[in-house]
Structures are given as C-alpha cells and as structure tokens.
C-alpha atoms as a PDB file:
ATOM      1  CA  MET A   1      69.041 -37.963 -61.349  1.00  0.00           C
ATOM      2  CA  ASN A   2      69.579 -34.656 -61.427  1.00  0.00           C
ATOM      3  CA  ASN A   3      66.483 -33.947 -58.996  1.00  0.00           C
ATOM      4  CA  LYS A   4      68.217 -36.473 -56.160  1.00  0.00           C
ATOM      5  CA  LEU A   5      71.350 -34.705 -56.016  1.00  0.00           C
ATOM      6  CA  LYS A   6      70.534 -31.135 -55.691  1.00  0.00           C
ATOM      7  CA  GLN A   7      71.643 -29.537 -52.512  1.00  0.00           C
ATOM      8  CA  LYS A   8      69.255 -28.375 -50.241  1.00  0.00           C
ATOM      9  CA  SER A   9      69.036 -24.194 -49.249  1.00  0.00           C
ATOM     10  CA  VAL A  10      67.845 -22.761 -45.956  1.00  0.00           C
ATOM     11  CA  PHE A  11      64.651 -21.725 -48.119  1.00  0.00           C
ATOM     12  CA  ASP A  12      63.418 -25.143 -48.361  1.00  0.00           C
ATOM     13  CA  ILE A  13      63.441 -25.746 -44.394  1.00  0.00           C
ATOM     14  CA  PRO A  14      59.701 -25.894 -43.490  1.00  0.00           C
ATOM     15  CA  LEU A  15      57.932 -23.246 -41.994  1.00  0.00           C
ATOM     16  CA  GLU A  16      57.447 -25.350 -38.696  1.00  0.00           C
ATOM     17  CA  VAL A  17      60.623 -25.587 -37.957  1.00  0.00           C
ATOM     18  CA  ILE A  18      61.521 -21.530 -38.471  1.00  0.00           C
ATOM     19  CA  SER A  19      58.934 -20.945 -36.307  1.00  0.00           C
ATOM     20  CA  ILE A  20      59.899 -23.603 -33.285  1.00  0.00           C
ATOM     21  CA  GLY A  21      63.394 -22.222 -33.677  1.00  0.00           C
ATOM     22  CA  ILE A  22      62.478 -18.273 -33.270  1.00  0.00           C
ATOM     23  CA  VAL A  23      60.247 -19.054 -30.302  1.00  0.00           C
ATOM     24  CA  CYS A  24      63.170 -21.159 -28.578  1.00  0.00           C
ATOM     25  CA  LEU A  25      65.427 -18.277 -28.817  1.00  0.00           C
ATOM     26  CA  SER A  26      62.826 -15.718 -27.533  1.00  0.00           C
ATOM     27  CA  LEU A  27      62.263 -17.954 -24.302  1.00  0.00           C
ATOM     28  CA  ALA A  28      66.007 -18.089 -23.732  1.00  0.00           C
ATOM     29  CA  GLY A  29      66.552 -14.304 -23.968  1.00  0.00           C
ATOM     30  CA  CYS A  30      63.974 -13.804 -21.081  1.00  0.00           C
ATOM     31  CA  GLY A  31      65.381 -16.247 -18.871  1.00  0.00           C
ATOM     32  CA  GLY A  32      67.961 -13.679 -17.650  1.00  0.00           C
ATOM     33  CA  GLY A  33      68.389 -12.575 -14.307  1.00  0.00           C
ATOM     34  CA  GLU A  34      66.903  -9.751 -15.020  1.00  0.00           C
ATOM     35  CA  GLY A  35      63.610  -8.197 -13.154  1.00  0.00           C
ATOM     36  CA  ASP A  36      65.438  -8.612  -9.635  1.00  0.00           C
ATOM     37  CA  ASP A  37      64.551  -5.210  -8.758  1.00  0.00           C
ATOM     38  CA  LEU A  38      60.833  -5.616  -9.548  1.00  0.00           C
ATOM     39  CA  ASP A  39      60.930  -8.470  -7.241  1.00  0.00           C
ATOM     40  CA  ALA A  40      62.285  -6.854  -4.484  1.00  0.00           C
ATOM     41  CA  PHE A  41      60.118  -3.383  -4.805  1.00  0.00           C
ATOM     42  CA  MET A  42      57.227  -5.563  -4.416  1.00  0.00           C
ATOM     43  CA  LYS A  43      58.276  -7.506  -1.662  1.00  0.00           C
ATOM     44  CA  ASN A  44      59.283  -4.022   0.467  1.00  0.00           C
ATOM     45  CA  ALA A  45      56.246  -2.209  -1.375  1.00  0.00           C
ATOM     46  CA  GLY A  46      53.883  -3.050   1.773  1.00  0.00           C
ATOM     47  CA  ASN A  47      56.576  -2.426   4.329  1.00  0.00           C
ATOM     48  CA  ASP A  48      55.939   1.956   4.009  1.00  0.00           C
ATOM     49  CA  MET A  49      52.174   1.754   4.317  1.00  0.00           C
ATOM     50  CA  GLN A  50      50.354   2.236   7.512  1.00  0.00           C
ATOM     51  CA  VAL A  51      46.964   1.124   8.373  1.00  0.00           C
ATOM     52  CA  SER A  52      44.536   3.600   9.196  1.00  0.00           C
ATOM     53  CA  ILE A  53      40.842   2.736   9.730  1.00  0.00           C
ATOM     54  CA  LYS A  54      38.090   5.019  11.153  1.00  0.00           C
ATOM     55  CA  PRO A  55      36.517   3.982  14.269  1.00  0.00           C
ATOM     56  CA  LEU A  56      32.624   2.804  13.584  1.00  0.00           C
ATOM     57  CA  PRO A  57      30.316   5.956  14.534  1.00  0.00           C
ATOM     58  CA  GLU A  58      28.146   5.348  17.464  1.00  0.00           C
ATOM     59  CA  VAL A  59      24.756   4.213  16.411  1.00  0.00           C
ATOM     60  CA  LYS A  60      22.089   6.454  18.188  1.00  0.00           C
ATOM     61  CA  PRO A  61      19.082   5.274  19.432  1.00  0.00           C
ATOM     62  CA  TYR A  62      15.659   5.517  17.320  1.00  0.00           C
ATOM     63  CA  LEU A  63      13.489   7.900  19.344  1.00  0.00           C
ATOM     64  CA  ALA A  64      10.059   7.514  17.755  1.00  0.00           C
ATOM     65  CA  LEU A  65       7.918  11.190  17.030  1.00  0.00           C
ATOM     66  CA  GLN A  66       4.671  11.742  18.039  1.00  0.00           C
ATOM     67  CA  TYR A  67       2.111  12.259  15.114  1.00  0.00           C
ATOM     68  CA  ASN A  68       0.433  16.119  16.031  1.00  0.00           C
ATOM     69  CA  ALA A  69       2.265  16.184  19.167  1.00  0.00           C
ATOM     70  CA  ASP A  70       1.004  19.656  19.710  1.00  0.00           C
ATOM     71  CA  ASN A  71      -2.624  19.061  18.863  1.00  0.00           C
ATOM     72  CA  MET A  72      -2.605  21.539  16.136  1.00  0.00           C
ATOM     73  CA  LEU A  73      -3.477  18.791  13.257  1.00  0.00           C
ATOM     74  CA  ASN A  74      -6.323  15.817  13.021  1.00  0.00           C
ATOM     75  CA  ASP A  75      -5.117  12.414  12.943  1.00  0.00           C
ATOM     76  CA  PRO A  76      -6.469  11.297   9.570  1.00  0.00           C
ATOM     77  CA  PHE A  77      -6.517   7.908  11.315  1.00  0.00           C
ATOM     78  CA  LYS A  78      -8.815   8.218  13.555  1.00  0.00           C
ATOM     79  CA  PRO A  79     -12.482   9.148  13.466  1.00  0.00           C
ATOM     80  CA  ARG A  80     -13.465  13.150  13.445  1.00  0.00           C
ATOM     81  CA  LYS A  81     -14.996  13.780  17.203  1.00  0.00           C
ATOM     82  CA  ALA A  82     -18.654  15.244  16.895  1.00  0.00           C
ATOM     83  CA  THR A  83     -18.606  19.151  18.198  1.00  0.00           C
ATOM     84  CA  THR A  84     -22.342  19.896  19.237  1.00  0.00           C
ATOM     85  CA  LYS A  85     -23.275  23.413  18.456  1.00  0.00           C
ATOM     86  CA  ALA A  86     -26.257  25.743  19.189  1.00  0.00           C
ATOM     87  CA  SER A  87     -28.581  23.263  17.564  1.00  0.00           C
ATOM     88  CA  GLY A  88     -27.680  20.482  19.628  1.00  0.00           C
ATOM     89  CA  ILE A  89     -28.338  17.912  17.499  1.00  0.00           C
ATOM     90  CA  LEU A  90     -26.522  14.385  18.158  1.00  0.00           C
ATOM     91  CA  PRO A  91     -27.749  10.886  17.482  1.00  0.00           C
ATOM     92  CA  ASN A  92     -28.197   8.987  20.737  1.00  0.00           C
ATOM     93  CA  PHE A  93     -25.163   6.264  21.037  1.00  0.00           C
ATOM     94  CA  SER A  94     -26.297   4.862  23.779  1.00  0.00           C
ATOM     95  CA  ARG A  95     -29.580   3.005  22.617  1.00  0.00           C
ATOM     96  CA  ALA A  96     -29.628  -0.437  21.507  1.00  0.00           C
ATOM     97  CA  LYS A  97     -29.904  -0.326  17.624  1.00  0.00           C
ATOM     98  CA  GLU A  98     -32.982  -2.371  15.993  1.00  0.00           C
ATOM     99  CA  PRO A  99     -32.417  -4.771  13.225  1.00  0.00           C
ATOM    100  CA  MET A 100     -33.039  -2.804  10.520  1.00  0.00           C
ATOM    101  CA  GLU A 101     -30.397  -0.549  11.298  1.00  0.00           C
ATOM    102  CA  ALA A 102     -27.657  -3.161   9.526  1.00  0.00           C
ATOM    103  CA  TYR A 103     -28.804  -2.497   6.298  1.00  0.00           C
ATOM    104  CA  PRO A 104     -27.929   0.477   4.032  1.00  0.00           C
ATOM    105  CA  LEU A 105     -31.058   3.055   3.202  1.00  0.00           C
ATOM    106  CA  GLU A 106     -30.647   2.256  -0.525  1.00  0.00           C
ATOM    107  CA  SER A 107     -30.913  -1.564  -0.071  1.00  0.00           C
ATOM    108  CA  ILE A 108     -34.518  -1.137   1.841  1.00  0.00           C
ATOM    109  CA  LYS A 109     -37.634  -1.121  -0.409  1.00  0.00           C
ATOM    110  CA  TYR A 110     -40.793  -0.089   0.684  1.00  0.00           C
ATOM    111  CA  VAL A 111     -43.449  -2.813  -0.304  1.00  0.00           C
ATOM    112  CA  GLY A 112     -46.488  -2.155   1.271  1.00  0.00           C
ATOM    113  CA  HIS A 113     -48.569  -0.828   4.395  1.00  0.00           C
ATOM    114  CA  LEU A 114     -50.877  -2.158   7.125  1.00  0.00           C
ATOM    115  CA  ALA A 115     -53.349  -0.519   9.416  1.00  0.00           C
ATOM    116  CA  LYS A 116     -54.342  -1.619  12.916  1.00  0.00           C
ATOM    117  CA  GLY A 117     -56.711   0.812  14.417  1.00  0.00           C
ATOM    118  CA  LYS A 118     -54.651   3.608  14.844  1.00  0.00           C
ATOM    119  CA  LEU A 119     -51.397   2.455  13.967  1.00  0.00           C
ATOM    120  CA  ILE A 120     -49.589   2.301  10.473  1.00  0.00           C
ATOM    121  CA  TYR A 121     -47.205  -0.322   9.734  1.00  0.00           C
ATOM    122  CA  ALA A 122     -44.630   0.060   6.430  1.00  0.00           C
ATOM    123  CA  LEU A 123     -43.747  -3.349   5.073  1.00  0.00           C
ATOM    124  CA  LEU A 124     -40.297  -2.959   4.078  1.00  0.00           C
ATOM    125  CA  LYS A 125     -37.999  -5.584   2.005  1.00  0.00           C
ATOM    126  CA  THR A 126     -34.609  -6.251   3.021  1.00  0.00           C
ATOM    127  CA  PRO A 127     -31.473  -7.483   0.881  1.00  0.00           C
ATOM    128  CA  ASP A 128     -31.978 -10.519   1.860  1.00  0.00           C
ATOM    129  CA  ASN A 129     -35.542 -10.651   0.846  1.00  0.00           C
ATOM    130  CA  GLY A 130     -36.655 -10.639   4.425  1.00  0.00           C
ATOM    131  CA  LEU A 131     -40.446  -8.865   4.964  1.00  0.00           C
ATOM    132  CA  GLN A 132     -40.076  -6.463   8.565  1.00  0.00           C
ATOM    133  CA  GLN A 133     -42.736  -4.158   9.721  1.00  0.00           C
ATOM    134  CA  ALA A 134     -41.928  -0.703  10.678  1.00  0.00           C
ATOM    135  CA  LYS A 135     -44.031   1.776  12.810  1.00  0.00           C
ATOM    136  CA  ILE A 136     -43.259   5.484  13.176  1.00  0.00           C
ATOM    137  CA  GLY A 137     -40.452   5.978  15.559  1.00  0.00           C
ATOM    138  CA  ASN A 138     -38.739   3.306  14.453  1.00  0.00           C
ATOM    139  CA  PHE A 139     -35.057   3.831  13.044  1.00  0.00           C
ATOM    140  CA  ILE A 140     -34.068   2.146   9.605  1.00  0.00           C
ATOM    141  CA  GLY A 141     -30.955   2.545   7.641  1.00  0.00           C
ATOM    142  CA  GLN A 142     -27.363   3.009   8.779  1.00  0.00           C
ATOM    143  CA  ASN A 143     -27.568   6.908   9.156  1.00  0.00           C
ATOM    144  CA  TYR A 144     -29.996   6.694  12.451  1.00  0.00           C
ATOM    145  CA  GLY A 145     -32.846   7.415  10.149  1.00  0.00           C
ATOM    146  CA  MET A 146     -36.122   7.778  12.347  1.00  0.00           C
ATOM    147  CA  ILE A 147     -39.325   7.317  10.469  1.00  0.00           C
ATOM    148  CA  THR A 148     -41.754  10.261  10.659  1.00  0.00           C
ATOM    149  CA  SER A 149     -44.678   9.447   8.642  1.00  0.00           C
ATOM    150  CA  ILE A 150     -45.387   6.625   6.798  1.00  0.00           C
ATOM    151  CA  THR A 151     -48.220   6.787   3.386  1.00  0.00           C
ATOM    152  CA  ASP A 152     -49.886   5.342   0.525  1.00  0.00           C
ATOM    153  CA  SER A 153     -47.240   6.248  -1.564  1.00  0.00           C
ATOM    154  CA  GLU A 154     -43.899   6.691   0.456  1.00  0.00           C
ATOM    155  CA  VAL A 155     -42.407   6.628   4.317  1.00  0.00           C
ATOM    156  CA  THR A 156     -40.416   9.664   5.204  1.00  0.00           C
ATOM    157  CA  LEU A 157     -37.792   9.272   7.645  1.00  0.00           C
ATOM    158  CA  LYS A 158     -35.399  11.862   9.538  1.00  0.00           C
ATOM    159  CA  GLU A 159     -31.643  10.746   9.711  1.00  0.00           C
ATOM    160  CA  ILE A 160     -28.857  12.647  11.469  1.00  0.00           C
ATOM    161  CA  VAL A 161     -25.459  12.210   9.468  1.00  0.00           C
ATOM    162  CA  GLN A 162     -22.230  13.915   9.784  1.00  0.00           C
ATOM    163  CA  ASP A 163     -21.344  17.058   7.648  1.00  0.00           C
ATOM    164  CA  ASP A 164     -17.855  15.992   5.745  1.00  0.00           C
ATOM    165  CA  LEU A 165     -16.682  19.135   5.893  1.00  0.00           C
ATOM    166  CA  SER A 166     -17.305  20.541   9.625  1.00  0.00           C
ATOM    167  CA  GLY A 167     -17.728  17.687  11.164  1.00  0.00           C
ATOM    168  CA  ASP A 168     -20.955  18.646  12.840  1.00  0.00           C
ATOM    169  CA  TRP A 169     -24.350  16.757  12.903  1.00  0.00           C
ATOM    170  CA  ILE A 170     -26.844  17.770  10.671  1.00  0.00           C
ATOM    171  CA  GLU A 171     -30.270  16.558  10.124  1.00  0.00           C
ATOM    172  CA  ARG A 172     -31.864  15.870   6.489  1.00  0.00           C
ATOM    173  CA  VAL A 173     -34.995  14.170   4.774  1.00  0.00           C
ATOM    174  CA  SER A 174     -35.116  10.928   3.050  1.00  0.00           C
ATOM    175  CA  ASN A 175     -37.977   9.041   1.586  1.00  0.00           C
ATOM    176  CA  LEU A 176     -38.578   5.245   0.674  1.00  0.00           C
ATOM    177  CA  ALA A 177     -40.941   5.482  -2.596  1.00  0.00           C
ATOM    178  CA  LEU A 178     -43.345   2.304  -2.634  1.00  0.00           C
ATOM    179  CA  GLN A 179     -41.796  -0.181  -4.942  1.00  0.00           C
ATOM    180  CA  GLU A 180     -44.630  -2.103  -6.875  1.00  0.00           C
END
C-alpha cells in the first residue's frame, strides 16, 4: 500500500508532455505584433526603384565577302587554269574521248598483239575483262596517253599530265609491259 499512496513529483511527468508544453510556449511567443516594420519595408521597397532597360542594338545586315577579291590568291575549290609556256604542250580538250580513255592506265593490261599487213594492233584487257584492240595513234588511259609504238614486249605511250607545283602541262613516257 505504501507505493499507491506516493505523491507524484514534477520529475515523474513524461518527457513527451514536457516537450509539447515547450513547443506551445514558443509558438505563443512568436505570435506578437513584432515584425510589422519588416512587412512595411517589403511593401515600400519597390517604390524607390526605377526601371532602366537599354534599347536593343541595331541589327546590321550580313555582308558576304568575296574570296580573293583582289585576285592575289588561287581559289582552292576550282581547278587551276592551264598556262602554256614556250613549249606549247597542251592536250586537245575538244576532241571526242575514245573508249579506252575511261580506264586508268594502271588497270589496263597488255596481253598480246596482232599484225595485219603493216598495221600492228595491241590487245588490251580492260578491268571489266573486255578485250580491246588499239593501234598507234589511239588514246588510252585518263592522262591523254597516245600510243607511240607497239612491240612484242610492250606498248609505249606519251601522256600529257599537269605538273602539281607549277600547273604546266608536261609530257611523260609510260609503258605497258606484256602480261602473260
């Protein structure tokens, strides 16, 4: 019985009840009329400001510049013009191309020759496995190559090519050896 008659002290109150009491007292302290000066400042803060926005700059029209307007540079997107020197070497651009000029010289094979009287024909194998006859004076290859001689072992031709550095047209001799 002794335990039932004990009086409760302040320290016997549960911690949750004490926490709730402290929170309620804190909230009651914040509910005062203080802070009215802060609200008044916020309302009047925008009245003193003046808006100053600079106008947008004027848009200038685009002017396209011409490449090499003074003609001092070569246009890298156009082929160079052929210039003839004292030698006068220049391919005939106006003549009709022959069928064997459609193939690069490296892809054409000399496989034999035929003789009909004084005429000698070279038998040339094309990359598409076709067989073509060509005689002296015919053009073959993509560098304006003209056949100058046909022998048992090779076909000799004279090509007109453009020099990479100077742009001048020069002649060079090429050979097609007999393929067995």
